[in-house]
């Protein structure tokens, strides 16, 4: 682990090579898993504000689930997460395009219709951030659905932290990311 500010960053973040290969995984991270995507209270508020626009792209059963059960819930780990479908585990904000699960929130952001991209936890994936009372843990979430991303990243020689540069800056800021780059250089030089 490398300490940067109040964050402890796993060596995997530096050592793993990664480029998301959505053509192979088909956006499985939006569909599989035990829970929804972690969201902050501020993100949850934004999601509620933009819901009228987002639901125009959502599946009817997802709209119904969101309107009757809520757009988020507190999961078994006591984390606030996006609502999922009970039987499939799919995020209610996911839709299928050409056989790939994509995020309706991000689709609107890409079109310039909203300013919120998607929850930062989604933007950071396969990095997971966990807040503890005295530090923040930054870890690579090893999951077989991302195997193709590891293969593609290894072929390109792109470290995970560089692939997720924009997301890490969004979460931690430019100065923090600059310190991460310095730590990476020190690791390589050792």
N, C-alpha and C. Protein backbone atom coordinates (compact mmCIF):
# COMPACT_ATOMS: atom_id res chain seq x y z
N UNK A 1 0.84 -1.19 0.00
CA UNK A 1 0.00 0.00 0.00
C UNK A 1 0.89 1.25 0.00
N UNK A 2 0.44 2.24 -0.73
CA UNK A 2 1.13 3.52 -0.81
C UNK A 2 0.19 4.58 -0.22
N UNK A 3 0.72 5.41 0.64
CA UNK A 3 -0.07 6.46 1.27
C UNK A 3 0.03 7.74 0.44
N UNK A 4 -1.13 8.26 0.05
CA UNK A 4 -1.21 9.54 -0.66
C UNK A 4 -2.32 10.33 0.00
N UNK A 5 -1.93 11.41 0.66
CA UNK A 5 -2.91 12.15 1.46
C UNK A 5 -3.46 11.24 2.53
N UNK A 6 -4.79 11.17 2.66
CA UNK A 6 -5.38 10.27 3.64
C UNK A 6 -5.79 8.93 3.00
N UNK A 7 -5.32 8.69 1.77
CA UNK A 7 -5.68 7.46 1.06
C UNK A 7 -4.54 6.45 1.10
N UNK A 8 -4.93 5.20 1.28
CA UNK A 8 -3.99 4.08 1.13
C UNK A 8 -4.33 3.40 -0.18
N UNK A 9 -3.36 3.42 -1.10
CA UNK A 9 -3.58 2.93 -2.45
C UNK A 9 -2.89 1.57 -2.60
N UNK A 10 -3.67 0.59 -3.03
CA UNK A 10 -3.14 -0.76 -3.25
C UNK A 10 -2.10 -0.74 -4.37
N UNK A 11 -1.09 -1.58 -4.23
CA UNK A 11 -0.08 -1.69 -5.27
C UNK A 11 -0.68 -2.17 -6.59
N UNK A 12 -1.78 -2.90 -6.54
CA UNK A 12 -2.45 -3.35 -7.76
C UNK A 12 -2.84 -2.18 -8.65
N UNK A 13 -3.18 -1.05 -8.06
CA UNK A 13 -3.58 0.13 -8.83
C UNK A 13 -2.43 0.59 -9.72
N UNK A 14 -1.20 0.39 -9.26
CA UNK A 14 -0.01 0.75 -10.04
C UNK A 14 0.42 -0.38 -10.97
N UNK A 15 0.31 -1.60 -10.49
CA UNK A 15 0.91 -2.74 -11.19
C UNK A 15 0.02 -3.38 -12.24
N UNK A 16 -1.29 -3.38 -12.02
CA UNK A 16 -2.21 -3.98 -13.00
C UNK A 16 -2.27 -3.10 -14.25
N UNK A 17 -2.30 -3.76 -15.37
CA UNK A 17 -2.49 -3.07 -16.65
C UNK A 17 -3.95 -3.30 -17.04
N UNK A 18 -4.61 -2.23 -17.53
CA UNK A 18 -6.05 -2.36 -17.75
C UNK A 18 -6.55 -1.35 -18.78
N UNK A 19 -7.40 -1.84 -19.67
CA UNK A 19 -8.22 -1.01 -20.56
C UNK A 19 -9.55 -1.73 -20.68
N UNK A 20 -10.63 -1.09 -20.28
CA UNK A 20 -11.94 -1.72 -20.35
C UNK A 20 -12.20 -2.20 -21.77
N UNK A 21 -12.61 -3.44 -21.91
CA UNK A 21 -12.92 -4.02 -23.20
C UNK A 21 -14.41 -4.37 -23.22
N UNK A 22 -15.22 -3.33 -23.33
CA UNK A 22 -16.67 -3.50 -23.23
C UNK A 22 -17.23 -4.40 -24.32
N UNK A 23 -16.51 -4.52 -25.44
CA UNK A 23 -16.98 -5.42 -26.49
C UNK A 23 -16.92 -6.87 -26.04
N UNK A 24 -16.08 -7.16 -25.05
CA UNK A 24 -15.96 -8.53 -24.53
C UNK A 24 -16.81 -8.73 -23.27
N UNK A 25 -16.77 -7.78 -22.34
CA UNK A 25 -17.51 -7.96 -21.07
C UNK A 25 -18.98 -7.61 -21.21
N UNK A 26 -19.30 -6.83 -22.24
CA UNK A 26 -20.70 -6.43 -22.52
C UNK A 26 -21.31 -5.57 -21.42
N UNK A 27 -20.46 -4.89 -20.63
CA UNK A 27 -20.97 -4.03 -19.56
C UNK A 27 -21.51 -4.80 -18.38
N UNK A 28 -20.92 -5.96 -18.12
CA UNK A 28 -21.40 -6.84 -17.06
C UNK A 28 -21.39 -6.18 -15.69
N UNK A 29 -20.53 -5.20 -15.46
CA UNK A 29 -20.49 -4.56 -14.14
C UNK A 29 -21.77 -3.79 -13.83
N UNK A 30 -22.57 -3.48 -14.86
CA UNK A 30 -23.87 -2.82 -14.65
C UNK A 30 -24.98 -3.83 -14.37
N UNK A 31 -24.68 -5.11 -14.57
CA UNK A 31 -25.71 -6.13 -14.51
C UNK A 31 -25.48 -7.14 -13.40
N UNK A 32 -24.24 -7.50 -13.17
CA UNK A 32 -23.92 -8.56 -12.20
C UNK A 32 -23.46 -7.97 -10.88
N UNK A 33 -23.52 -8.79 -9.86
CA UNK A 33 -23.03 -8.36 -8.55
C UNK A 33 -24.09 -8.51 -7.48
N UNK A 34 -23.67 -8.25 -6.27
CA UNK A 34 -24.54 -8.41 -5.12
C UNK A 34 -25.37 -7.17 -4.80
N UNK A 35 -24.97 -6.03 -5.38
CA UNK A 35 -25.58 -4.79 -4.99
C UNK A 35 -25.50 -3.80 -6.13
N UNK A 36 -26.05 -2.62 -5.92
CA UNK A 36 -25.95 -1.55 -6.91
C UNK A 36 -24.62 -0.84 -6.78
N UNK A 37 -24.46 0.22 -7.55
CA UNK A 37 -23.25 1.02 -7.51
C UNK A 37 -23.27 1.96 -6.30
N UNK A 38 -22.19 1.99 -5.52
CA UNK A 38 -22.15 2.93 -4.40
C UNK A 38 -22.32 4.38 -4.87
N UNK A 39 -23.12 5.13 -4.13
CA UNK A 39 -23.33 6.55 -4.42
C UNK A 39 -23.21 7.35 -3.13
N UNK A 40 -22.74 8.57 -3.27
CA UNK A 40 -22.70 9.47 -2.12
C UNK A 40 -24.07 10.11 -1.94
N UNK A 41 -24.28 10.74 -0.80
CA UNK A 41 -25.54 11.46 -0.57
C UNK A 41 -25.73 12.54 -1.64
N UNK A 42 -24.65 13.26 -1.97
CA UNK A 42 -24.74 14.31 -3.00
C UNK A 42 -25.10 13.72 -4.36
N UNK A 43 -24.48 12.58 -4.72
CA UNK A 43 -24.80 11.94 -5.99
C UNK A 43 -26.25 11.46 -6.00
N UNK A 44 -26.70 10.93 -4.89
CA UNK A 44 -28.08 10.46 -4.79
C UNK A 44 -29.05 11.61 -5.02
N UNK A 45 -28.73 12.75 -4.47
CA UNK A 45 -29.57 13.94 -4.65
C UNK A 45 -29.61 14.34 -6.13
N UNK A 46 -28.45 14.32 -6.78
CA UNK A 46 -28.38 14.67 -8.20
C UNK A 46 -29.18 13.67 -9.04
N UNK A 47 -29.03 12.39 -8.73
CA UNK A 47 -29.76 11.35 -9.48
C UNK A 47 -31.27 11.59 -9.37
N UNK A 48 -31.74 11.98 -8.20
CA UNK A 48 -33.17 12.28 -8.05
C UNK A 48 -33.56 13.51 -8.87
N UNK A 49 -32.67 14.51 -8.93
CA UNK A 49 -32.97 15.72 -9.69
C UNK A 49 -33.03 15.45 -11.19
N UNK A 50 -32.15 14.58 -11.69
CA UNK A 50 -32.10 14.32 -13.13
C UNK A 50 -33.00 13.16 -13.57
N UNK A 51 -33.63 12.50 -12.63
CA UNK A 51 -34.46 11.34 -12.95
C UNK A 51 -35.51 11.62 -14.03
N UNK A 52 -36.19 12.78 -14.00
CA UNK A 52 -37.17 13.02 -15.06
C UNK A 52 -36.56 12.95 -16.47
N UNK A 53 -35.34 13.39 -16.64
CA UNK A 53 -34.67 13.29 -17.95
C UNK A 53 -34.19 11.87 -18.21
N UNK A 54 -33.61 11.24 -17.20
CA UNK A 54 -33.01 9.91 -17.36
C UNK A 54 -34.08 8.87 -17.67
N UNK A 55 -35.23 8.99 -17.05
CA UNK A 55 -36.24 7.94 -17.24
C UNK A 55 -36.75 7.89 -18.68
N UNK A 56 -36.52 8.94 -19.45
CA UNK A 56 -36.90 8.90 -20.86
C UNK A 56 -36.12 7.83 -21.63
N UNK A 57 -34.97 7.43 -21.11
CA UNK A 57 -34.15 6.40 -21.76
C UNK A 57 -34.27 5.03 -21.09
N UNK A 58 -34.83 4.99 -19.91
CA UNK A 58 -34.88 3.76 -19.12
C UNK A 58 -35.96 2.80 -19.62
N UNK A 59 -35.77 1.52 -19.30
CA UNK A 59 -36.77 0.50 -19.60
C UNK A 59 -37.99 0.72 -18.70
N UNK A 60 -39.19 0.41 -19.21
CA UNK A 60 -40.40 0.62 -18.39
C UNK A 60 -40.34 -0.07 -17.03
N UNK A 61 -39.81 -1.29 -16.98
CA UNK A 61 -39.74 -2.00 -15.70
C UNK A 61 -38.74 -1.33 -14.74
N UNK A 62 -37.73 -0.67 -15.30
CA UNK A 62 -36.76 0.05 -14.46
C UNK A 62 -37.37 1.33 -13.90
N UNK A 63 -38.15 2.01 -14.73
CA UNK A 63 -38.86 3.21 -14.27
C UNK A 63 -39.80 2.83 -13.13
N UNK A 64 -40.56 1.77 -13.34
CA UNK A 64 -41.51 1.33 -12.31
C UNK A 64 -40.78 0.98 -11.02
N UNK A 65 -39.67 0.25 -11.12
CA UNK A 65 -38.90 -0.13 -9.93
C UNK A 65 -38.40 1.13 -9.21
N UNK A 66 -37.87 2.08 -9.96
CA UNK A 66 -37.37 3.32 -9.37
C UNK A 66 -38.47 4.14 -8.71
N UNK A 67 -39.63 4.18 -9.35
CA UNK A 67 -40.74 4.97 -8.80
C UNK A 67 -41.39 4.30 -7.60
N UNK A 68 -41.38 2.97 -7.55
CA UNK A 68 -42.04 2.28 -6.44
C UNK A 68 -41.08 1.91 -5.31
N UNK A 69 -39.84 1.56 -5.63
CA UNK A 69 -38.88 1.10 -4.61
C UNK A 69 -37.82 2.14 -4.28
N UNK A 70 -37.68 3.13 -5.15
CA UNK A 70 -36.67 4.17 -4.94
C UNK A 70 -35.53 4.05 -5.93
N UNK A 71 -34.75 5.10 -6.05
CA UNK A 71 -33.63 5.13 -6.98
C UNK A 71 -32.35 4.59 -6.35
N UNK A 72 -32.39 4.44 -5.03
CA UNK A 72 -31.23 3.92 -4.30
C UNK A 72 -31.74 3.20 -3.05
N UNK A 73 -30.83 2.47 -2.42
CA UNK A 73 -31.16 1.79 -1.17
C UNK A 73 -29.87 1.56 -0.40
N UNK A 74 -30.00 1.22 0.87
CA UNK A 74 -28.85 0.89 1.70
C UNK A 74 -28.70 -0.63 1.66
N UNK A 75 -27.53 -1.08 1.20
CA UNK A 75 -27.32 -2.52 1.00
C UNK A 75 -26.86 -3.22 2.27
N UNK A 76 -26.53 -4.51 2.13
CA UNK A 76 -26.14 -5.32 3.28
C UNK A 76 -24.85 -4.85 3.95
N UNK A 77 -24.04 -4.07 3.24
CA UNK A 77 -22.81 -3.53 3.83
C UNK A 77 -23.02 -2.11 4.37
N UNK A 78 -24.28 -1.72 4.47
CA UNK A 78 -24.65 -0.40 4.98
C UNK A 78 -24.17 0.73 4.08
N UNK A 79 -24.08 0.46 2.77
CA UNK A 79 -23.69 1.48 1.79
C UNK A 79 -24.92 1.90 0.99
N UNK A 80 -24.98 3.19 0.68
CA UNK A 80 -26.02 3.70 -0.21
C UNK A 80 -25.61 3.33 -1.63
N UNK A 81 -26.51 2.66 -2.36
CA UNK A 81 -26.20 2.17 -3.71
C UNK A 81 -27.40 2.42 -4.63
N UNK A 82 -27.13 2.38 -5.93
CA UNK A 82 -28.21 2.52 -6.90
C UNK A 82 -29.15 1.32 -6.80
N UNK A 83 -30.40 1.56 -7.11
CA UNK A 83 -31.40 0.49 -7.08
C UNK A 83 -31.10 -0.52 -8.19
N UNK A 84 -31.36 -1.78 -7.88
CA UNK A 84 -31.18 -2.86 -8.85
C UNK A 84 -32.49 -3.64 -8.97
N UNK A 85 -32.57 -4.41 -10.04
CA UNK A 85 -33.71 -5.31 -10.19
C UNK A 85 -33.52 -6.51 -9.27
N UNK A 86 -34.55 -6.86 -8.56
CA UNK A 86 -34.48 -7.90 -7.54
C UNK A 86 -34.03 -9.26 -8.08
N UNK A 87 -34.53 -9.67 -9.21
CA UNK A 87 -34.22 -11.01 -9.72
C UNK A 87 -32.92 -11.09 -10.51
N UNK A 88 -32.53 -10.00 -11.17
CA UNK A 88 -31.35 -10.06 -12.05
C UNK A 88 -30.11 -9.40 -11.46
N UNK A 89 -30.27 -8.44 -10.56
CA UNK A 89 -29.14 -7.69 -10.04
C UNK A 89 -28.72 -6.55 -10.94
N UNK A 90 -29.44 -6.36 -12.05
CA UNK A 90 -29.11 -5.30 -13.00
C UNK A 90 -29.47 -3.93 -12.42
N UNK A 91 -28.59 -2.96 -12.58
CA UNK A 91 -28.86 -1.58 -12.18
C UNK A 91 -30.06 -1.06 -12.97
N UNK A 92 -30.95 -0.34 -12.31
CA UNK A 92 -32.13 0.16 -13.02
C UNK A 92 -31.77 1.20 -14.08
N UNK A 93 -30.57 1.77 -14.01
CA UNK A 93 -30.17 2.77 -14.99
C UNK A 93 -29.48 2.16 -16.22
N UNK A 94 -29.36 0.85 -16.25
CA UNK A 94 -28.73 0.16 -17.38
C UNK A 94 -29.75 -0.14 -18.47
N UNK A 95 -29.31 0.02 -19.70
CA UNK A 95 -30.09 -0.40 -20.87
C UNK A 95 -29.16 -1.17 -21.80
N UNK A 96 -29.75 -1.87 -22.74
CA UNK A 96 -28.98 -2.64 -23.71
C UNK A 96 -28.94 -1.89 -25.04
N UNK A 97 -27.73 -1.77 -25.59
CA UNK A 97 -27.55 -1.25 -26.95
C UNK A 97 -26.56 -2.15 -27.65
N UNK A 98 -26.99 -2.76 -28.73
CA UNK A 98 -26.14 -3.69 -29.49
C UNK A 98 -25.56 -4.79 -28.61
N UNK A 99 -26.38 -5.29 -27.67
CA UNK A 99 -25.96 -6.38 -26.81
C UNK A 99 -25.03 -5.98 -25.68
N UNK A 100 -24.86 -4.68 -25.46
CA UNK A 100 -23.97 -4.18 -24.41
C UNK A 100 -24.79 -3.34 -23.42
N UNK A 101 -24.57 -3.59 -22.13
CA UNK A 101 -25.23 -2.78 -21.10
C UNK A 101 -24.52 -1.44 -20.99
N UNK A 102 -25.30 -0.38 -21.09
CA UNK A 102 -24.74 0.97 -20.94
C UNK A 102 -25.59 1.74 -19.93
N UNK A 103 -25.03 2.82 -19.44
CA UNK A 103 -25.68 3.63 -18.41
C UNK A 103 -26.49 4.76 -19.06
N UNK A 104 -27.77 4.84 -18.71
CA UNK A 104 -28.61 5.91 -19.24
C UNK A 104 -28.14 7.28 -18.76
N UNK A 105 -27.62 7.35 -17.55
CA UNK A 105 -27.12 8.62 -17.04
C UNK A 105 -25.94 9.08 -17.87
N UNK A 106 -24.98 8.18 -18.11
CA UNK A 106 -23.81 8.56 -18.89
C UNK A 106 -24.18 8.88 -20.34
N UNK A 107 -25.15 8.18 -20.87
CA UNK A 107 -25.60 8.44 -22.25
C UNK A 107 -26.11 9.89 -22.38
N UNK A 108 -26.88 10.35 -21.40
CA UNK A 108 -27.35 11.74 -21.42
C UNK A 108 -26.20 12.72 -21.23
N UNK A 109 -25.23 12.36 -20.37
CA UNK A 109 -24.06 13.21 -20.17
C UNK A 109 -23.26 13.34 -21.47
N UNK A 110 -23.06 12.21 -22.16
CA UNK A 110 -22.33 12.23 -23.43
C UNK A 110 -23.03 13.09 -24.48
N UNK A 111 -24.36 13.12 -24.42
CA UNK A 111 -25.14 13.93 -25.35
C UNK A 111 -25.19 15.41 -24.95
N UNK A 112 -24.61 15.73 -23.78
CA UNK A 112 -24.59 17.11 -23.31
C UNK A 112 -25.91 17.56 -22.70
N UNK A 113 -26.78 16.62 -22.37
CA UNK A 113 -28.09 16.96 -21.83
C UNK A 113 -28.09 17.14 -20.31
N UNK A 114 -27.08 16.57 -19.63
CA UNK A 114 -26.92 16.75 -18.19
C UNK A 114 -25.43 16.93 -17.90
N UNK A 115 -25.12 17.49 -16.73
CA UNK A 115 -23.71 17.73 -16.39
C UNK A 115 -23.12 16.64 -15.48
N UNK A 116 -23.96 15.76 -14.97
CA UNK A 116 -23.51 14.68 -14.10
C UNK A 116 -23.21 13.46 -14.96
N UNK A 117 -21.97 12.96 -14.89
CA UNK A 117 -21.57 11.86 -15.77
C UNK A 117 -22.19 10.53 -15.38
N UNK A 118 -22.03 10.13 -14.15
CA UNK A 118 -22.55 8.90 -13.54
C UNK A 118 -21.93 8.85 -12.16
N UNK A 119 -22.37 7.95 -11.28
CA UNK A 119 -21.72 7.87 -9.97
C UNK A 119 -20.21 7.65 -10.13
N UNK A 120 -19.45 8.33 -9.29
CA UNK A 120 -17.99 8.22 -9.39
C UNK A 120 -17.53 6.78 -9.18
N UNK A 121 -18.27 6.00 -8.41
CA UNK A 121 -17.89 4.60 -8.21
C UNK A 121 -17.93 3.83 -9.52
N UNK A 122 -18.86 4.17 -10.40
CA UNK A 122 -18.94 3.53 -11.72
C UNK A 122 -17.79 4.01 -12.60
N UNK A 123 -17.53 5.31 -12.55
CA UNK A 123 -16.45 5.92 -13.34
C UNK A 123 -15.10 5.32 -12.96
N UNK A 124 -14.92 4.99 -11.70
CA UNK A 124 -13.66 4.45 -11.19
C UNK A 124 -13.48 2.95 -11.42
N UNK A 125 -14.54 2.25 -11.74
CA UNK A 125 -14.44 0.79 -11.78
C UNK A 125 -13.43 0.32 -12.82
N UNK A 126 -12.53 -0.63 -12.49
CA UNK A 126 -12.53 -1.61 -11.41
C UNK A 126 -11.78 -1.19 -10.14
N UNK A 127 -11.59 0.10 -9.94
CA UNK A 127 -11.09 0.56 -8.65
C UNK A 127 -12.30 0.79 -7.75
N UNK A 128 -12.19 0.33 -6.53
CA UNK A 128 -13.21 0.57 -5.52
C UNK A 128 -12.60 1.39 -4.40
N UNK A 129 -13.33 2.39 -3.96
CA UNK A 129 -12.91 3.28 -2.88
C UNK A 129 -13.80 3.01 -1.68
N UNK A 130 -13.18 2.82 -0.53
CA UNK A 130 -13.93 2.56 0.71
C UNK A 130 -13.45 3.54 1.77
N UNK A 131 -14.38 4.25 2.34
CA UNK A 131 -14.07 5.23 3.38
C UNK A 131 -14.05 4.55 4.75
N UNK A 132 -13.00 4.80 5.51
CA UNK A 132 -12.88 4.35 6.89
C UNK A 132 -12.69 5.59 7.76
N UNK A 133 -12.86 5.47 9.07
CA UNK A 133 -12.77 6.67 9.92
C UNK A 133 -11.46 7.46 9.78
N UNK A 134 -10.33 6.78 9.59
CA UNK A 134 -9.06 7.52 9.55
C UNK A 134 -8.33 7.45 8.21
N UNK A 135 -8.87 6.73 7.25
CA UNK A 135 -8.23 6.69 5.93
C UNK A 135 -9.25 6.24 4.88
N UNK A 136 -8.85 6.40 3.63
CA UNK A 136 -9.64 5.96 2.49
C UNK A 136 -8.85 4.87 1.78
N UNK A 137 -9.47 3.72 1.56
CA UNK A 137 -8.82 2.61 0.87
C UNK A 137 -9.13 2.69 -0.62
N UNK A 138 -8.09 2.56 -1.44
CA UNK A 138 -8.22 2.58 -2.90
C UNK A 138 -7.68 1.25 -3.41
N UNK A 139 -8.59 0.39 -3.85
CA UNK A 139 -8.20 -0.98 -4.22
C UNK A 139 -8.70 -1.35 -5.61
N UNK A 140 -7.96 -2.26 -6.23
CA UNK A 140 -8.40 -2.90 -7.46
C UNK A 140 -9.38 -4.01 -7.08
N UNK A 141 -10.54 -4.01 -7.71
CA UNK A 141 -11.56 -5.02 -7.45
C UNK A 141 -11.41 -6.14 -8.48
N UNK A 142 -10.76 -7.21 -8.10
CA UNK A 142 -10.52 -8.30 -9.03
C UNK A 142 -11.80 -9.10 -9.23
N UNK A 143 -12.24 -9.17 -10.48
CA UNK A 143 -13.48 -9.84 -10.82
C UNK A 143 -13.31 -10.42 -12.20
N UNK A 144 -13.71 -11.64 -12.41
CA UNK A 144 -13.45 -12.31 -13.69
C UNK A 144 -14.10 -11.62 -14.88
N UNK A 145 -15.13 -10.82 -14.66
CA UNK A 145 -15.76 -10.13 -15.79
C UNK A 145 -14.81 -9.12 -16.44
N UNK A 146 -13.76 -8.73 -15.73
CA UNK A 146 -12.80 -7.75 -16.25
C UNK A 146 -11.55 -8.41 -16.84
N UNK A 147 -11.55 -9.70 -17.00
CA UNK A 147 -10.39 -10.40 -17.53
C UNK A 147 -9.95 -9.84 -18.89
N UNK A 148 -10.92 -9.56 -19.77
CA UNK A 148 -10.59 -9.02 -21.09
C UNK A 148 -9.92 -7.65 -20.97
N UNK A 149 -10.32 -6.86 -19.98
CA UNK A 149 -9.70 -5.56 -19.75
C UNK A 149 -8.25 -5.68 -19.31
N UNK A 150 -7.95 -6.70 -18.52
CA UNK A 150 -6.57 -6.96 -18.11
C UNK A 150 -5.73 -7.37 -19.32
N UNK A 151 -6.28 -8.21 -20.17
CA UNK A 151 -5.55 -8.66 -21.37
C UNK A 151 -5.29 -7.48 -22.29
N UNK A 152 -6.30 -6.66 -22.53
CA UNK A 152 -6.15 -5.49 -23.40
C UNK A 152 -5.16 -4.48 -22.80
N UNK A 153 -5.24 -4.27 -21.49
CA UNK A 153 -4.33 -3.34 -20.82
C UNK A 153 -2.89 -3.83 -20.85
N UNK A 154 -2.72 -5.13 -20.65
CA UNK A 154 -1.37 -5.72 -20.70
C UNK A 154 -0.78 -5.57 -22.09
N UNK A 155 -1.57 -5.81 -23.12
CA UNK A 155 -1.09 -5.67 -24.51
C UNK A 155 -0.65 -4.24 -24.81
N UNK A 156 -1.37 -3.28 -24.24
CA UNK A 156 -1.04 -1.87 -24.46
C UNK A 156 -0.03 -1.33 -23.46
N UNK A 157 0.19 -2.07 -22.36
CA UNK A 157 1.11 -1.62 -21.31
C UNK A 157 0.59 -0.42 -20.53
N UNK A 158 -0.73 -0.29 -20.43
CA UNK A 158 -1.33 0.86 -19.75
C UNK A 158 -1.70 0.51 -18.31
N UNK A 159 -1.06 1.15 -17.33
CA UNK A 159 -1.40 0.89 -15.93
C UNK A 159 -2.83 1.34 -15.61
N UNK A 160 -3.45 0.62 -14.69
CA UNK A 160 -4.82 0.91 -14.27
C UNK A 160 -5.00 2.36 -13.86
N UNK A 161 -4.06 2.91 -13.08
CA UNK A 161 -4.22 4.29 -12.60
C UNK A 161 -4.20 5.30 -13.75
N UNK A 162 -3.52 4.98 -14.84
CA UNK A 162 -3.52 5.89 -16.00
C UNK A 162 -4.79 5.74 -16.81
N UNK A 163 -5.28 4.51 -16.93
CA UNK A 163 -6.55 4.30 -17.62
C UNK A 163 -7.67 5.07 -16.92
N UNK A 164 -7.61 5.13 -15.60
CA UNK A 164 -8.66 5.78 -14.81
C UNK A 164 -8.27 7.19 -14.34
N UNK A 165 -7.37 7.83 -15.05
CA UNK A 165 -6.88 9.16 -14.66
C UNK A 165 -8.03 10.14 -14.44
N UNK A 166 -8.94 10.28 -15.41
CA UNK A 166 -10.03 11.25 -15.27
C UNK A 166 -10.91 10.94 -14.06
N UNK A 167 -11.19 9.66 -13.85
CA UNK A 167 -12.04 9.27 -12.72
C UNK A 167 -11.33 9.53 -11.39
N UNK A 168 -10.03 9.24 -11.32
CA UNK A 168 -9.28 9.48 -10.09
C UNK A 168 -9.18 10.97 -9.80
N UNK A 169 -8.99 11.77 -10.83
CA UNK A 169 -8.96 13.23 -10.64
C UNK A 169 -10.33 13.72 -10.19
N UNK A 170 -11.36 13.19 -10.79
CA UNK A 170 -12.73 13.57 -10.39
C UNK A 170 -12.95 13.27 -8.91
N UNK A 171 -12.49 12.12 -8.44
CA UNK A 171 -12.71 11.71 -7.05
C UNK A 171 -11.78 12.40 -6.06
N UNK A 172 -10.49 12.50 -6.42
CA UNK A 172 -9.48 12.96 -5.45
C UNK A 172 -8.85 14.31 -5.78
N UNK A 173 -8.96 14.77 -7.01
CA UNK A 173 -8.40 16.06 -7.41
C UNK A 173 -7.07 15.95 -8.14
N UNK A 174 -6.71 17.03 -8.83
CA UNK A 174 -5.48 17.10 -9.64
C UNK A 174 -4.22 16.92 -8.79
N UNK A 175 -4.16 17.60 -7.65
CA UNK A 175 -2.96 17.51 -6.81
C UNK A 175 -2.73 16.09 -6.31
N UNK A 176 -3.80 15.44 -5.90
CA UNK A 176 -3.69 14.06 -5.43
C UNK A 176 -3.18 13.16 -6.55
N UNK A 177 -3.73 13.35 -7.76
CA UNK A 177 -3.31 12.52 -8.89
C UNK A 177 -1.84 12.77 -9.22
N UNK A 178 -1.39 14.01 -9.11
CA UNK A 178 0.02 14.32 -9.35
C UNK A 178 0.91 13.55 -8.36
N UNK A 179 0.46 13.46 -7.10
CA UNK A 179 1.20 12.69 -6.10
C UNK A 179 1.18 11.20 -6.44
N UNK A 180 0.08 10.73 -6.99
CA UNK A 180 -0.03 9.33 -7.42
C UNK A 180 0.99 9.05 -8.53
N UNK A 181 1.11 9.97 -9.46
CA UNK A 181 2.09 9.83 -10.56
C UNK A 181 3.52 9.77 -10.01
N UNK A 182 3.81 10.60 -9.03
CA UNK A 182 5.14 10.60 -8.40
C UNK A 182 5.39 9.27 -7.72
N UNK A 183 4.38 8.78 -7.00
CA UNK A 183 4.52 7.48 -6.32
C UNK A 183 4.75 6.37 -7.34
N UNK A 184 4.05 6.43 -8.47
CA UNK A 184 4.21 5.42 -9.53
C UNK A 184 5.63 5.45 -10.08
N UNK A 185 6.15 6.65 -10.30
CA UNK A 185 7.51 6.78 -10.82
C UNK A 185 8.52 6.22 -9.82
N UNK A 186 8.30 6.50 -8.54
CA UNK A 186 9.19 5.96 -7.49
C UNK A 186 9.13 4.44 -7.46
N UNK A 187 7.96 3.87 -7.66
CA UNK A 187 7.82 2.41 -7.69
C UNK A 187 8.58 1.80 -8.86
N UNK A 188 8.50 2.44 -10.00
CA UNK A 188 9.18 1.95 -11.22
C UNK A 188 10.69 2.06 -11.05
N UNK A 189 11.15 3.16 -10.44
CA UNK A 189 12.59 3.38 -10.27
C UNK A 189 13.21 2.46 -9.23
N UNK A 190 12.37 1.92 -8.33
CA UNK A 190 12.91 1.03 -7.27
C UNK A 190 13.33 -0.32 -7.80
